[in-house]
Every structure is written in structure tokens, then in C-alpha cells.
Protein backbone atom coordinates (compact mmCIF):
# COMPACT_ATOMS: atom_id res chain seq x y z
CA UNK A 1 268.66 70.34 338.20
CA UNK A 2 266.00 67.76 339.27
CA UNK A 3 262.46 68.94 339.77
CA UNK A 4 261.09 69.02 343.28
CA UNK A 5 257.99 66.79 343.54
CA UNK A 6 254.71 68.53 344.28
CA UNK A 7 253.55 67.80 347.80
CA UNK A 8 249.95 68.06 348.96
CA UNK A 9 249.31 68.34 352.72
CA UNK A 10 247.63 65.28 354.25
CA UNK A 11 245.00 67.48 355.93
CA UNK A 12 243.78 68.78 352.54
CA UNK A 13 243.63 65.29 351.06
CA UNK A 14 241.74 63.88 354.04
CA UNK A 15 239.29 66.80 353.96
CA UNK A 16 238.51 66.53 350.24
CA UNK A 17 238.96 62.85 349.43
CA UNK A 18 237.81 61.24 352.68
CA UNK A 19 235.49 63.65 354.53
CA UNK A 20 233.84 65.31 351.49
CA UNK A 21 233.90 61.97 349.60
CA UNK A 22 235.27 63.53 346.41
CA UNK A 23 236.72 61.35 343.68
CA UNK A 24 240.40 61.53 342.80
CA UNK A 25 239.53 63.53 339.69
CA UNK A 26 237.39 66.00 341.67
CA UNK A 27 240.12 66.30 344.33
CA UNK A 28 242.75 66.95 341.66
CA UNK A 29 240.60 69.64 340.01
CA UNK A 30 239.88 71.32 343.35
CA UNK A 31 243.60 71.41 344.19
CA UNK A 32 244.68 72.37 340.68
CA UNK A 33 246.85 69.26 340.40
CA UNK A 34 246.96 66.22 338.13
CA UNK A 35 245.28 62.90 338.75
CA UNK A 36 248.57 61.00 339.15
CA UNK A 37 249.89 63.62 341.58
CA UNK A 38 246.87 63.12 343.84
CA UNK A 39 247.18 59.32 343.65
CA UNK A 40 250.89 59.52 344.52
CA UNK A 41 250.22 61.84 347.46
CA UNK A 42 247.38 59.67 348.78
CA UNK A 43 249.75 56.71 348.68
CA UNK A 44 252.55 58.69 350.33
CA UNK A 45 250.21 59.69 353.20
CA UNK A 46 248.93 56.07 353.54
CA UNK A 47 245.36 57.04 352.60
CA UNK A 48 243.76 54.01 350.99
CA UNK A 49 242.10 54.43 347.61
CA UNK A 50 238.37 53.86 347.32
CA UNK A 51 237.03 51.05 345.19
CA UNK A 52 236.24 52.16 341.66
CA UNK A 53 232.58 53.09 341.29
CA UNK A 54 232.03 53.32 345.06
CA UNK A 55 230.90 56.95 344.94
CA UNK A 56 227.81 58.53 343.44
CA UNK A 57 225.42 55.73 344.34
CA UNK A 58 221.85 56.84 344.03
CA UNK A 59 219.51 55.97 346.83
CA UNK A 60 216.16 55.60 345.08
CA UNK A 61 213.64 53.63 347.14
CA UNK A 62 212.37 50.41 345.57
CA UNK A 63 208.80 51.52 346.32
CA UNK A 64 209.22 54.56 344.08
CA UNK A 65 210.43 52.53 341.11
CA UNK A 66 207.71 49.92 341.58
CA UNK A 67 205.03 52.58 341.96
CA UNK A 68 206.03 54.49 338.82
CA UNK A 69 206.88 51.58 336.52
CA UNK A 70 204.64 48.74 337.69
CA UNK A 71 201.61 50.39 339.31
CA UNK A 72 201.31 53.59 337.25
CA UNK A 73 202.65 51.83 334.13
CA UNK A 74 204.75 54.81 333.08
CA UNK A 75 207.16 54.20 330.18
CA UNK A 76 210.90 53.76 330.73
CA UNK A 77 211.74 57.26 329.53
CA UNK A 78 209.26 58.92 331.87
CA UNK A 79 210.35 56.94 334.94
CA UNK A 80 214.03 57.58 334.25
CA UNK A 81 213.40 61.30 333.72
CA UNK A 82 211.33 61.61 336.93
CA UNK A 83 214.05 59.85 338.94
CA UNK A 84 216.89 61.78 337.28
CA UNK A 85 218.66 58.64 336.06
CA UNK A 86 219.50 57.15 332.67
CA UNK A 87 217.41 54.45 331.01
CA UNK A 88 220.36 52.06 331.45
CA UNK A 89 220.43 52.71 335.21
CA UNK A 90 216.68 52.12 335.38
CA UNK A 91 217.11 48.86 333.45
CA UNK A 92 219.75 47.69 335.95
CA UNK A 93 217.51 48.60 338.89
CA UNK A 94 214.52 46.76 337.39
CA UNK A 95 216.72 43.72 336.76
CA UNK A 96 217.97 43.84 340.35
CA UNK A 97 214.35 43.99 341.56
CA UNK A 98 213.50 41.04 339.25
CA UNK A 99 210.97 43.14 337.34
CA UNK A 100 210.63 42.13 333.69
CA UNK A 101 210.66 45.16 331.40
CA UNK A 102 207.52 45.78 329.39
CA UNK A 103 207.81 45.61 325.62
CA UNK A 104 205.94 47.86 323.23
CA UNK A 105 203.17 46.46 321.03
CA UNK A 106 204.24 44.17 318.20
CA UNK A 107 204.55 45.71 314.76
CA UNK A 108 201.45 43.91 313.50
CA UNK A 109 199.43 45.28 316.41
CA UNK A 110 200.59 48.82 315.72
CA UNK A 111 199.63 48.55 312.06
CA UNK A 112 196.08 47.42 312.70
CA UNK A 113 193.59 49.29 310.56
CA UNK A 114 190.04 48.51 309.48
CA UNK A 115 190.51 50.06 306.05
CA UNK A 116 192.51 47.68 303.77
CA UNK A 117 193.85 50.59 301.70
CA UNK A 118 195.08 52.35 304.84
CA UNK A 119 196.67 49.08 305.96
CA UNK A 120 198.62 48.91 302.67
CA UNK A 121 199.79 52.49 303.07
CA UNK A 122 200.89 51.87 306.67
CA UNK A 123 202.82 48.71 305.78
CA UNK A 124 204.51 50.28 302.78
CA UNK A 125 205.58 53.25 304.93
CA UNK A 126 207.84 50.90 306.90
CA UNK A 127 211.01 50.86 304.73
CA UNK A 128 212.54 47.60 306.01
CA UNK A 129 209.29 45.68 305.62
CA UNK A 130 209.23 43.86 302.26
CA UNK A 131 205.56 42.86 302.22
CA UNK A 132 203.93 42.07 298.87
CA UNK A 133 200.42 43.39 298.32
CA UNK A 134 198.91 39.92 297.87
CA UNK A 135 200.13 38.95 301.36
CA UNK A 136 197.97 41.66 302.90
CA UNK A 137 194.76 40.26 301.45
CA UNK A 138 195.57 36.57 301.92
CA UNK A 139 194.73 36.66 305.63
């Protein structure tokens, strides 16, 4: 005996998917149905599918990003945490705003020390750095 296809009322789909702007996955979970079932029912009811990635857009004002990153000179991690976004999202926003990301100090700047012995210890503590002792004193 063939199985009867699961039908979802158009009113429920419109309410969840269109009015409440839920994704197909969220709609399926809410209705206790599978993803493909929801897609099939949306198609059957002539409800057009949203573009992928069209939901969940964050509306963070440009001024806020510029203030935190450029004016206050907060590091990436801090700005992303304050805004509740990932570092990758922050990087995309900065790129979109044509803001060049700041780079940390160069390794040689971080290893600056007045004491030559301390300088040797600091350089040798960096495992991938193959510096010979005579190179330290040749400068």
C-alpha cells in the first residue's frame, strides 16, 4: 500500500517561513518534519524559496565598527566579542569598509631587550627560529 504524502497547511508555512522569517531548517524543526518535506510543501503551495544566506544579516552600524577598531584601537578579538560576531565576520566588514587590518608588532620588535643575555634567552625560546648565537652579537 503506497504511503500518503505528508501535507503541511499553507497557512502554517506562510506564518513560519514568510512572516516569522524562519529558515527551512527552523520551519522543519518547529513543525516536526524533515527539510525535504518542507521544501516540497513550499513548492506545492507556490511559496518561493529565499535566497541562500538571505536571513540572519546583522545590522551593525559602520560608526560602531570604526569607533571601536579605528578610533579606540581595540584588537580584533575585543571588537568581535563586543559586537557578538566572529573574527571572520569582522574581517569581512572591515574589508567592505575598506579598512586595512592592523598587524601585530614584528617578531624582532617583540623580542627587543636591552640585556644581551635576555635577548638570547628570548630568541632561543622561539622553537621555529634557528638563530645562531653569533648572529645576535653581529648587529
